[in-house]
Amino acid sequence: MTTLKSALEVFNKEDLKNYASKLHIRRISSLNKGELADKMHSFL
C-alpha cells in the first residue's frame, strides 16, 4: 500500500501546482512535506 508521503514524492511539479491552487497555496516550497501531507489528507 502506498503511503501518502511516498505518493507526494512521486508527484510532479505540475500536479503539485494544480493541487496547491485548489487549496489557494501560493508557494509549495513554503510548505514542508508534513504540512502538505496534512493538507492533502484533509482535502481527500
Protein backbone atom coordinates (compact mmCIF):
# COMPACT_ATOMS: atom_id res chain seq x y z
CA MET A 1 0.00 0.00 0.00
CA THR A 2 1.34 3.39 -0.98
CA THR A 3 1.74 5.84 1.85
CA LEU A 4 0.70 9.45 1.45
CA LYS A 5 4.31 10.56 1.89
CA SER A 6 5.62 8.34 -0.89
CA ALA A 7 2.72 9.41 -3.10
CA LEU A 8 3.73 13.04 -2.60
CA GLU A 9 7.32 12.24 -3.52
CA VAL A 10 6.31 10.97 -6.96
CA PHE A 11 4.03 13.89 -7.75
CA ASN A 12 5.43 16.06 -10.49
CA LYS A 13 5.59 19.81 -10.09
CA GLU A 14 2.56 20.48 -12.28
CA ASP A 15 0.40 18.18 -10.16
CA LEU A 16 1.57 19.97 -7.03
CA LYS A 17 0.90 23.37 -8.57
CA ASN A 18 -2.61 22.34 -9.61
CA TYR A 19 -3.29 20.88 -6.18
CA ALA A 20 -1.86 23.94 -4.46
CA SER A 21 -4.04 26.27 -6.50
CA LYS A 22 -7.11 24.34 -5.35
CA LEU A 23 -6.12 25.00 -1.76
CA HIS A 24 -5.01 28.55 -2.52
CA ILE A 25 -1.41 27.82 -1.56
CA ARG A 26 0.83 30.31 -3.29
CA ARG A 27 4.16 28.58 -2.83
CA ILE A 28 4.56 24.82 -2.43
CA SER A 29 8.14 25.43 -1.34
CA SER A 30 6.85 27.29 1.71
CA LEU A 31 5.33 24.06 2.99
CA ASN A 32 7.24 21.09 4.25
CA LYS A 33 6.17 17.58 3.29
CA GLY A 34 4.39 17.03 6.58
CA GLU A 35 2.25 20.14 6.17
CA LEU A 36 1.48 19.27 2.58
CA ALA A 37 0.52 15.74 3.58
CA ASP A 38 -1.79 17.08 6.28
CA LYS A 39 -3.48 19.44 3.84
CA MET A 40 -3.81 16.77 1.19
CA HIS A 41 -5.24 14.29 3.69
CA SER A 42 -7.95 16.76 4.68
CA PHE A 43 -8.56 17.56 1.01
CA LEU A 44 -9.09 13.91 0.09
